[in-house]
């Protein structure tokens, strides 16, 4: 599927009639950000400080990261004594009918809760997530209500669950920020069970299953949490790593492939730990977001326009479901960041109840309604229209399916590389359904020098000869 997509993408570029001169440069660190599904956030697990965010409050499909909430409720039921690890769960016809990824037990067969949780965490088994949901909630429908209620309790204000496994449902949505809250909550509230989300493998009935999270085996301190994929969501990953006694949580949504997603998570995580290391050495870094942006990560906080996808799919299967259009909207900004971790439920029960909005505030969410950020006005040329162009060469910095995304990216590049494009004009050109973000009116020398400067910051660019 990926090879077919690449061939079609290259064919579209050829049809566009672009004549290019080769330039050095690789995909930008957050190359997925050109995809309307992209979102990311990096959070200090102890304090809740958001070190980096991009589209963190834009609504996205969680895919199989949904299963983290399914397991959170299972852990809660275990702690309360409602269920036990050796409980025998019977596979219902509904659970057995779930599409892959799945364990594949037939209706009527049984499995222990312990193994069902391992299958859900390691194999990302859709059927076992439903088995757990039915065992704890009585039905998947009732269980997903419990999931949404728990999300609200934790401060996940933009999340709604309608499935226990994350299979396609247009009503089920979340945000990168909300998933960071959930990730932080599960390791904070149930550290004794968090290990399920970090299992490298699981042996069951003569077969060895490997965790879908490839970062766990890299030796860089990764110990959880969960992957996810549907055609609509792209490649998602919630990851956590501990280095030098510091734990960070990174969420990336909308990756274009498993590798690009994993590489991007690793780069964001490395940058986050660099911030922590420098702070530990006495360096003052008050705004970590700026530190990330200086390294080419994150440009703006405004999500892309609605985008249509042809189909949905499960973790590693083919497309499932009908065409879907999703409108991504931005939520309100977070309130003041917390300075310490909230106590686990067992400790909180012995204390007086806090105000309803405290959980949201402590988890970095929004505890009160705030006006959404104003949208940027339509872009204007980098120079006055009356200024004569210095040349006829062009630098293209991206090609997108949506004009709004193309203009936003063009404006962002213009802001970041103002000296390189001070004499250029910004232009979004369309051909064959693609919107090309371009700087025009440049000399050959200026165009090549600008593209070289971009490539040094790992921003993709192409020099276009005069037609």
Protein backbone atom coordinates (compact mmCIF):
# COMPACT_ATOMS: atom_id res chain seq x y z
CA UNK A 1 0.00 0.00 0.00
CA UNK A 2 2.80 2.43 0.86
CA UNK A 3 4.63 1.67 -2.39
CA UNK A 4 1.44 2.19 -4.39
CA UNK A 5 0.85 5.52 -2.65
CA UNK A 6 4.39 6.66 -3.41
CA UNK A 7 4.01 5.75 -7.09
CA UNK A 8 0.75 7.68 -7.33
CA UNK A 9 2.26 10.66 -5.50
CA UNK A 10 5.26 10.76 -7.84
CA UNK A 11 2.94 10.45 -10.81
CA UNK A 12 0.97 13.45 -9.56
CA UNK A 13 4.16 15.49 -9.36
CA UNK A 14 5.11 14.50 -12.89
CA UNK A 15 1.70 15.49 -14.17
CA UNK A 16 2.22 18.84 -12.46
CA UNK A 17 5.03 19.61 -14.91
CA UNK A 18 7.53 20.76 -12.28
CA UNK A 19 11.07 21.22 -13.62
CA UNK A 20 13.49 21.01 -10.74
CA UNK A 21 17.20 21.26 -10.09
CA UNK A 22 18.43 18.74 -7.52
CA UNK A 23 19.04 20.20 -4.08
CA UNK A 24 20.25 18.73 -0.89
CA UNK A 25 17.77 18.38 1.93
CA UNK A 26 15.66 15.79 3.62
CA UNK A 27 12.17 15.73 5.02
CA UNK A 28 11.71 18.17 7.88
CA UNK A 29 11.66 16.69 11.39
CA UNK A 30 7.92 17.19 11.57
CA UNK A 31 7.29 16.28 7.96
CA UNK A 32 4.02 14.68 8.97
CA UNK A 33 2.78 18.18 9.74
CA UNK A 34 1.99 18.63 6.06
CA UNK A 35 -0.62 15.94 6.60
CA UNK A 36 -3.91 17.30 7.96
CA UNK A 37 -4.02 14.43 10.45
CA UNK A 38 -0.79 15.42 12.17
CA UNK A 39 -0.64 16.47 15.81
CA UNK A 40 2.04 16.20 18.48
CA UNK A 41 2.81 17.05 22.08
CA UNK A 42 5.73 16.46 24.47
CA UNK A 43 4.99 16.55 28.20
CA UNK A 44 7.02 16.27 31.38
CA UNK A 45 5.32 13.37 33.14
CA UNK A 46 6.13 14.61 36.65
CA UNK A 47 5.09 18.25 36.39
CA UNK A 48 2.73 18.18 33.43
CA UNK A 49 4.68 20.96 31.70
CA UNK A 50 4.07 20.98 27.96
CA UNK A 51 7.51 21.23 26.39
CA UNK A 52 6.24 21.19 22.81
CA UNK A 53 2.91 21.10 21.03
CA UNK A 54 1.58 21.33 17.51
CA UNK A 55 -2.12 20.99 16.75
CA UNK A 56 -2.37 19.50 20.26
CA UNK A 57 -6.01 20.55 20.69
CA UNK A 58 -7.20 19.65 17.19
CA UNK A 59 -9.58 16.70 17.11
CA UNK A 60 -8.11 13.48 15.75
CA UNK A 61 -8.94 9.78 15.58
CA UNK A 62 -7.19 7.86 18.40
CA UNK A 63 -7.25 4.47 16.61
CA UNK A 64 -5.84 1.73 18.87
CA UNK A 65 -4.49 4.18 21.45
CA UNK A 66 -8.14 3.90 22.54
CA UNK A 67 -7.10 0.64 24.20
CA UNK A 68 -5.11 2.58 26.81
CA UNK A 69 -8.41 3.79 28.25
CA UNK A 70 -9.85 0.28 27.99
CA UNK A 71 -6.93 -1.00 30.03
CA UNK A 72 -7.13 1.95 32.44
CA UNK A 73 -10.68 0.90 33.36
CA UNK A 74 -9.52 -2.71 33.66
CA UNK A 75 -6.78 -1.61 36.06
CA UNK A 76 -9.34 0.40 38.02
CA UNK A 77 -11.62 -2.65 38.26
CA UNK A 78 -8.70 -4.78 39.45
CA UNK A 79 -7.76 -2.31 42.19
CA UNK A 80 -11.35 -2.07 43.40
CA UNK A 81 -11.70 -5.87 43.52
CA UNK A 82 -14.47 -5.95 40.92
CA UNK A 83 -12.42 -8.33 38.78
CA UNK A 84 -9.37 -10.54 39.22
CA UNK A 85 -6.47 -11.39 36.92
CA UNK A 86 -7.47 -15.05 36.81
CA UNK A 87 -11.09 -14.34 35.88
CA UNK A 88 -12.18 -16.44 32.90
CA UNK A 89 -13.72 -14.26 30.20
CA UNK A 90 -16.01 -15.79 27.58
CA UNK A 91 -15.64 -14.57 24.01
CA UNK A 92 -18.99 -13.34 22.72
CA UNK A 93 -20.09 -13.55 19.05
CA UNK A 94 -19.70 -9.77 18.87
CA UNK A 95 -16.14 -9.91 20.17
CA UNK A 96 -15.23 -12.81 17.89
CA UNK A 97 -16.52 -10.89 14.86
CA UNK A 98 -14.13 -7.95 15.31
CA UNK A 99 -11.73 -7.44 12.39
CA UNK A 100 -7.94 -7.68 12.78
CA UNK A 101 -5.70 -7.10 14.55
CA UNK A 102 -7.16 -9.83 16.74
CA UNK A 103 -6.27 -12.88 18.75
CA UNK A 104 -8.83 -14.91 16.84
CA UNK A 105 -10.58 -16.91 19.55
CA UNK A 106 -13.95 -18.32 18.54
CA UNK A 107 -17.21 -17.38 20.23
CA UNK A 108 -17.66 -19.43 23.39
CA UNK A 109 -13.96 -19.86 24.07
CA UNK A 110 -12.51 -18.46 27.28
CA UNK A 111 -9.40 -16.52 28.21
CA UNK A 112 -8.10 -15.15 31.49
CA UNK A 113 -8.32 -11.42 32.11
CA UNK A 114 -4.52 -11.37 32.44
CA UNK A 115 -4.04 -12.83 28.96
CA UNK A 116 -6.79 -10.67 27.49
CA UNK A 117 -5.00 -7.56 28.75
CA UNK A 118 -1.67 -8.79 27.39
CA UNK A 119 -3.26 -9.47 24.02
CA UNK A 120 -4.76 -5.98 24.02
CA UNK A 121 -1.49 -4.28 24.95
CA UNK A 122 0.97 -6.35 22.88
CA UNK A 123 -1.05 -7.69 19.95
CA UNK A 124 -3.46 -4.73 19.93
CA UNK A 125 -6.18 -7.35 19.71
CA UNK A 126 -9.52 -5.76 18.83
CA UNK A 127 -11.48 -8.83 19.87
CA UNK A 128 -9.87 -8.95 23.31
CA UNK A 129 -10.59 -5.26 23.94
CA UNK A 130 -14.27 -6.00 23.40
CA UNK A 131 -14.04 -9.09 25.64
CA UNK A 132 -12.63 -6.93 28.44
CA UNK A 133 -15.27 -4.26 27.86
CA UNK A 134 -18.13 -6.74 28.06
CA UNK A 135 -16.71 -8.40 31.17
CA UNK A 136 -16.38 -5.12 33.07
CA UNK A 137 -19.22 -3.05 31.65
CA UNK A 138 -21.75 -5.75 30.75
CA UNK A 139 -21.75 -4.53 27.14
CA UNK A 140 -19.38 -2.60 24.93
CA UNK A 141 -21.90 0.24 24.70
CA UNK A 142 -22.10 0.63 28.47
CA UNK A 143 -18.32 0.32 28.75
CA UNK A 144 -17.67 3.10 26.23
CA UNK A 145 -19.96 5.35 28.28
CA UNK A 146 -17.74 4.56 31.24
CA UNK A 147 -14.69 5.38 29.09
CA UNK A 148 -16.05 8.80 28.15
CA UNK A 149 -17.05 9.53 31.74
CA UNK A 150 -13.56 8.62 32.91
CA UNK A 151 -12.07 10.82 30.22
CA UNK A 152 -14.04 13.78 31.59
CA UNK A 153 -12.95 12.95 35.12
CA UNK A 154 -9.30 12.92 34.08
CA UNK A 155 -9.63 16.25 32.27
CA UNK A 156 -9.77 14.91 28.71
CA UNK A 157 -12.25 17.53 27.63
CA UNK A 158 -12.22 16.91 23.89
CA UNK A 159 -12.48 13.11 23.89
CA UNK A 160 -15.42 10.83 23.21
CA UNK A 161 -15.29 7.04 23.05
CA UNK A 162 -17.76 4.88 21.16
CA UNK A 163 -15.64 1.73 20.72
CA UNK A 164 -13.40 -0.12 23.15
CA UNK A 165 -10.78 -0.97 20.54
CA UNK A 166 -10.49 2.16 18.39
CA UNK A 167 -11.89 0.69 15.19
CA UNK A 168 -13.36 3.29 12.83
CA UNK A 169 -16.25 5.36 14.15
CA UNK A 170 -16.61 8.97 13.10
CA UNK A 171 -18.07 9.86 16.51
CA UNK A 172 -14.93 8.75 18.35
CA UNK A 173 -12.34 11.50 18.59
CA UNK A 174 -9.64 12.85 20.87
CA UNK A 175 -6.67 15.22 20.85
CA UNK A 176 -2.95 14.80 21.33
CA UNK A 177 -3.22 16.76 24.58
CA UNK A 178 -5.98 14.49 25.87
CA UNK A 179 -3.93 11.39 25.05
CA UNK A 180 -0.99 12.83 26.97
CA UNK A 181 -3.32 13.32 29.95
CA UNK A 182 -4.45 9.69 29.68
CA UNK A 183 -0.88 8.41 29.33
CA UNK A 184 0.19 10.38 32.36
CA UNK A 185 -2.82 9.20 34.35
CA UNK A 186 -2.34 5.48 33.72
CA UNK A 187 1.28 5.47 34.92
CA UNK A 188 0.46 7.78 37.84
CA UNK A 189 -2.69 6.04 39.04
CA UNK A 190 -1.79 2.40 38.36
CA UNK A 191 2.00 2.06 38.31
CA UNK A 192 1.64 -1.59 39.34
CA UNK A 193 -0.19 -2.34 36.07
CA UNK A 194 1.53 0.11 33.73
CA UNK A 195 3.97 -2.69 32.89
CA UNK A 196 1.30 -4.24 30.63
CA UNK A 197 1.73 -1.30 28.27
CA UNK A 198 5.48 -1.88 28.10
CA UNK A 199 5.60 -5.61 27.42
CA UNK A 200 8.02 -6.36 24.58
CA UNK A 201 6.38 -9.66 23.75
CA UNK A 202 3.83 -12.20 24.93
CA UNK A 203 3.79 -15.97 24.46
CA UNK A 204 0.35 -17.55 24.14
CA UNK A 205 -0.63 -21.06 23.05
CA UNK A 206 2.59 -21.79 21.20
CA UNK A 207 2.93 -18.42 19.50
CA UNK A 208 5.14 -15.46 20.37
CA UNK A 209 3.57 -12.04 19.81
CA UNK A 210 5.75 -8.93 19.48
CA UNK A 211 4.68 -5.50 20.66
CA UNK A 212 3.63 -3.16 17.86
CA UNK A 213 5.68 -0.37 19.51
CA UNK A 214 9.11 -0.74 17.94
CA UNK A 215 10.68 1.91 20.18
CA UNK A 216 10.53 -0.39 23.19
CA UNK A 217 13.52 -2.37 21.92
CA UNK A 218 15.75 0.61 21.10
CA UNK A 219 17.37 0.86 24.52
CA UNK A 220 16.62 4.56 24.89
CA UNK A 221 14.54 4.29 28.05
CA UNK A 222 11.21 3.62 26.31
CA UNK A 223 8.83 1.59 28.47
CA UNK A 224 5.32 2.14 26.91
CA UNK A 225 2.67 3.08 25.84
CA UNK A 226 0.62 2.26 22.68
CA UNK A 227 0.50 2.42 18.90
CA UNK A 228 -2.53 2.99 16.69
CA UNK A 229 -3.42 3.09 13.01
CA UNK A 230 -6.42 3.52 10.76
CA UNK A 231 -6.50 5.00 7.27
CA UNK A 232 -8.27 8.02 8.74
CA UNK A 233 -5.96 8.52 11.73
CA UNK A 234 -2.62 7.80 10.14
CA UNK A 235 0.10 6.23 12.26
CA UNK A 236 -0.30 7.22 15.92
CA UNK A 237 1.98 6.59 18.86
CA UNK A 238 1.87 7.43 22.54
CA UNK A 239 5.36 6.85 23.95
CA UNK A 240 7.11 7.32 27.27
CA UNK A 241 10.79 7.27 28.08
CA UNK A 242 12.86 7.67 31.25
CA UNK A 243 16.40 9.07 31.14
CA UNK A 244 18.51 10.39 33.99
CA UNK A 245 15.55 10.09 36.35
CA UNK A 246 13.29 12.22 34.12
CA UNK A 247 10.21 10.86 32.35
CA UNK A 248 8.74 12.40 29.22
CA UNK A 249 5.57 11.52 27.34
CA UNK A 250 5.37 12.13 23.60
CA UNK A 251 2.25 11.79 21.45
CA UNK A 252 2.44 11.85 17.66
CA UNK A 253 -0.68 11.42 15.55
CA UNK A 254 -1.11 11.24 11.79
CA UNK A 255 2.28 9.82 10.87
CA UNK A 256 2.72 8.69 7.28
CA UNK A 257 4.36 5.37 8.09
CA UNK A 258 5.50 3.35 11.08
CA UNK A 259 9.13 4.36 10.50
CA UNK A 260 8.53 8.08 9.98
CA UNK A 261 6.28 8.15 13.05
CA UNK A 262 8.82 6.33 15.22
CA UNK A 263 11.67 8.51 13.96
CA UNK A 264 9.67 11.65 14.67
CA UNK A 265 8.75 10.52 18.18
CA UNK A 266 12.40 9.70 18.86
CA UNK A 267 13.53 13.14 17.62
CA UNK A 268 10.94 14.96 19.71
CA UNK A 269 11.82 12.85 22.74
CA UNK A 270 15.55 13.50 22.29
CA UNK A 271 14.92 17.24 22.03
CA UNK A 272 12.76 17.18 25.15
CA UNK A 273 15.47 15.42 27.13
CA UNK A 274 17.99 17.94 25.83
CA UNK A 275 15.83 20.69 27.33
CA UNK A 276 15.77 18.82 30.64
CA UNK A 277 19.51 18.21 30.57
CA UNK A 278 20.34 21.85 29.90
CA UNK A 279 18.00 23.00 32.62
CA UNK A 280 19.67 20.58 34.98
CA UNK A 281 23.02 22.18 34.15
CA UNK A 282 21.67 25.58 35.12
CA UNK A 283 20.70 26.93 31.72
CA UNK A 284 17.52 29.02 31.75
CA UNK A 285 15.00 27.76 29.21
CA UNK A 286 11.70 29.32 30.15
CA UNK A 287 9.86 28.50 26.93
CA UNK A 288 10.70 25.00 25.76
CA UNK A 289 8.48 25.43 22.68
CA UNK A 290 10.93 28.03 21.34
CA UNK A 291 13.80 25.59 21.92
CA UNK A 292 11.99 23.02 19.76
CA UNK A 293 11.17 25.57 17.06
CA UNK A 294 14.81 26.64 16.84
CA UNK A 295 15.50 23.06 15.80
CA UNK A 296 12.78 23.05 13.17
CA UNK A 297 9.95 21.45 15.13
CA UNK A 298 6.52 23.05 15.13
CA UNK A 299 5.53 26.17 13.30
CA UNK A 300 2.03 27.24 14.23
CA UNK A 301 -0.81 26.07 16.47
CA UNK A 302 -3.60 26.35 13.92
CA UNK A 303 -5.10 23.10 12.64
CA UNK A 304 -5.80 22.37 9.03
CA UNK A 305 -9.17 22.61 7.33
CA UNK A 306 -11.59 19.66 7.11
CA UNK A 307 -10.24 16.80 5.06
CA UNK A 308 -11.93 13.78 3.47
CA UNK A 309 -10.53 10.27 3.63
CA UNK A 310 -11.51 7.38 1.45
CA UNK A 311 -11.67 4.64 4.05
CA UNK A 312 -10.78 3.55 7.53
CA UNK A 313 -8.80 0.52 8.58
CA UNK A 314 -7.75 -1.39 11.63
CA UNK A 315 -4.25 -1.66 13.13
CA UNK A 316 -2.73 -3.72 10.32
CA UNK A 317 -5.62 -4.66 8.06
CA UNK A 318 -7.26 -3.33 4.92
CA UNK A 319 -9.71 -0.47 4.66
CA UNK A 320 -12.97 -0.73 6.56
CA UNK A 321 -16.02 1.49 6.43
CA UNK A 322 -17.48 4.21 4.27
CA UNK A 323 -16.03 7.54 3.12
CA UNK A 324 -15.75 9.98 5.99
CA UNK A 325 -15.24 13.73 6.32
CA UNK A 326 -13.80 14.99 9.54
CA UNK A 327 -13.77 18.62 10.67
CA UNK A 328 -10.82 19.35 12.91
CA UNK A 329 -11.30 22.27 15.26
CA UNK A 330 -9.04 23.84 17.81
CA UNK A 331 -9.89 23.69 21.50
CA UNK A 332 -9.16 26.39 24.07
CA UNK A 333 -5.60 26.83 25.33
CA UNK A 334 -4.54 25.11 28.58
CA UNK A 335 -4.57 26.83 31.93
CA UNK A 336 -1.50 27.24 34.10
CA UNK A 337 0.71 24.17 34.14
CA UNK A 338 0.96 22.08 37.33
CA UNK A 339 4.09 21.90 39.40
CA UNK A 340 3.57 18.42 40.86
CA UNK A 341 1.83 15.17 40.05
CA UNK A 342 -1.65 14.68 41.39
CA UNK A 343 -1.96 11.85 43.95
CA UNK A 344 -3.29 8.43 42.86
CA UNK A 345 -6.98 7.56 43.37
CA UNK A 346 -6.20 5.52 46.49
CA UNK A 347 -4.69 8.61 48.13
CA UNK A 348 -7.33 10.98 46.82
CA UNK A 349 -10.13 8.95 48.36
CA UNK A 350 -8.79 9.76 51.82
CA UNK A 351 -8.85 13.49 51.11
CA UNK A 352 -11.65 15.95 50.73
CA UNK A 353 -13.13 16.26 47.25
CA UNK A 354 -11.60 19.04 45.18
CA UNK A 355 -13.58 21.31 42.87
CA UNK A 356 -14.80 19.64 39.68
CA UNK A 357 -12.41 21.53 37.46
CA UNK A 358 -9.29 20.72 39.48
CA UNK A 359 -8.49 17.50 37.63
CA UNK A 360 -8.53 19.28 34.29
CA UNK A 361 -6.25 22.02 35.59
CA UNK A 362 -3.80 19.60 37.19
CA UNK A 363 -3.54 17.60 33.99
CA UNK A 364 -2.81 20.58 31.81
CA UNK A 365 -6.28 20.64 30.25
CA UNK A 366 -8.74 23.49 30.02
CA UNK A 367 -10.86 23.93 33.12
CA UNK A 368 -12.88 26.82 31.81
CA UNK A 369 -14.24 27.89 28.49
CA UNK A 370 -11.94 30.20 26.62
CA UNK A 371 -12.28 31.95 23.33
CA UNK A 372 -10.54 30.05 20.53
CA UNK A 373 -7.53 31.72 18.99
CA UNK A 374 -8.30 34.04 16.13
CA UNK A 375 -7.49 32.68 12.70
CA UNK A 376 -4.67 34.29 10.83
CA UNK A 377 -5.66 36.71 8.12
CA UNK A 378 -5.06 35.84 4.50
CA UNK A 379 -1.40 35.99 3.56
CA UNK A 380 0.08 38.99 1.75
CA UNK A 381 3.11 39.16 -0.55
CA UNK A 382 6.46 39.32 1.19
CA UNK A 383 7.12 42.59 -0.65
CA UNK A 384 4.76 45.26 -1.91
CA UNK A 385 3.08 44.37 -5.18
CA UNK A 386 4.69 47.36 -6.83
CA UNK A 387 8.19 46.01 -6.22
CA UNK A 388 9.68 44.46 -9.33
CA UNK A 389 10.81 40.83 -8.92
CA UNK A 390 14.56 40.35 -8.71
CA UNK A 391 14.47 37.27 -10.95
CA UNK A 392 12.38 34.47 -12.40
CA UNK A 393 13.53 31.55 -10.24
CA UNK A 394 11.26 29.92 -7.68
CA UNK A 395 11.70 27.97 -4.46
CA UNK A 396 8.95 25.46 -3.69
CA UNK A 397 8.66 24.44 -0.05
CA UNK A 398 5.66 22.12 -0.21
CA UNK A 399 2.73 20.74 -2.19
CA UNK A 400 -0.58 20.11 -0.44
CA UNK A 401 -4.11 19.02 -1.20
CA UNK A 402 -5.60 21.97 0.71
CA UNK A 403 -5.02 25.63 -0.07
CA UNK A 404 -5.26 26.69 3.59
CA UNK A 405 -2.51 24.28 4.56
CA UNK A 406 -0.33 25.47 1.67
CA UNK A 407 -0.76 29.13 2.68
CA UNK A 408 -0.12 28.45 6.36
CA UNK A 409 3.07 26.54 5.56
CA UNK A 410 4.23 29.30 3.19
CA UNK A 411 3.66 31.96 5.84
CA UNK A 412 5.43 29.88 8.46
CA UNK A 413 8.49 29.35 6.28
CA UNK A 414 8.51 33.05 5.41
CA UNK A 415 8.53 33.93 9.10
CA UNK A 416 11.25 31.46 10.02
CA UNK A 417 13.50 32.26 7.05
CA UNK A 418 12.72 35.93 6.56
CA UNK A 419 16.26 36.85 5.55
CA UNK A 420 16.38 34.24 2.79
CA UNK A 421 13.09 35.38 1.24
CA UNK A 422 13.15 39.12 1.98
CA UNK A 423 13.13 39.94 -1.76
CA UNK A 424 10.74 37.16 -2.78
CA UNK A 425 7.01 37.06 -3.20
CA UNK A 426 4.78 34.42 -1.63
CA UNK A 427 2.50 32.55 -3.97
CA UNK A 428 0.28 29.47 -3.76
CA UNK A 429 -0.07 27.95 -7.23
CA UNK A 430 -2.50 25.19 -8.09
CA UNK A 431 -2.22 22.43 -10.69
CA UNK A 432 -3.77 18.97 -10.95
CA UNK A 433 -5.35 19.25 -7.52
CA UNK A 434 -2.13 20.26 -5.71
CA UNK A 435 -1.51 23.60 -3.99
CA UNK A 436 2.16 24.49 -4.20
CA UNK A 437 3.75 26.76 -1.61
CA UNK A 438 6.26 28.87 -3.52
CA UNK A 439 8.55 31.86 -3.20
CA UNK A 440 8.81 33.53 -6.61
CA UNK A 441 10.74 36.35 -8.26
CA UNK A 442 14.16 35.19 -7.12
CA UNK A 443 17.53 35.05 -8.82
CA UNK A 444 19.12 31.66 -9.34
CA UNK A 445 21.80 32.42 -6.76
CA UNK A 446 19.27 33.60 -4.16
CA UNK A 447 16.98 30.61 -4.77
CA UNK A 448 19.76 28.07 -4.42
CA UNK A 449 21.18 29.79 -1.33
CA UNK A 450 17.73 29.92 0.30
CA UNK A 451 17.07 26.24 -0.38
CA UNK A 452 20.46 25.33 1.04
CA UNK A 453 19.63 27.28 4.20
CA UNK A 454 16.33 25.42 4.50
CA UNK A 455 17.98 22.05 3.99
CA UNK A 456 20.43 22.79 6.80
CA UNK A 457 17.38 23.09 9.06
CA UNK A 458 15.96 19.87 7.56
CA UNK A 459 13.16 21.64 5.72
CA UNK A 460 12.34 20.18 2.31
CA UNK A 461 12.62 22.55 -0.64
CA UNK A 462 13.02 22.48 -4.40
CA UNK A 463 14.45 25.07 -6.79
CA UNK A 464 12.26 25.58 -9.86
CA UNK A 465 13.82 26.88 -13.07
CA UNK A 466 12.10 29.64 -15.05
CA UNK A 467 9.59 28.20 -17.47
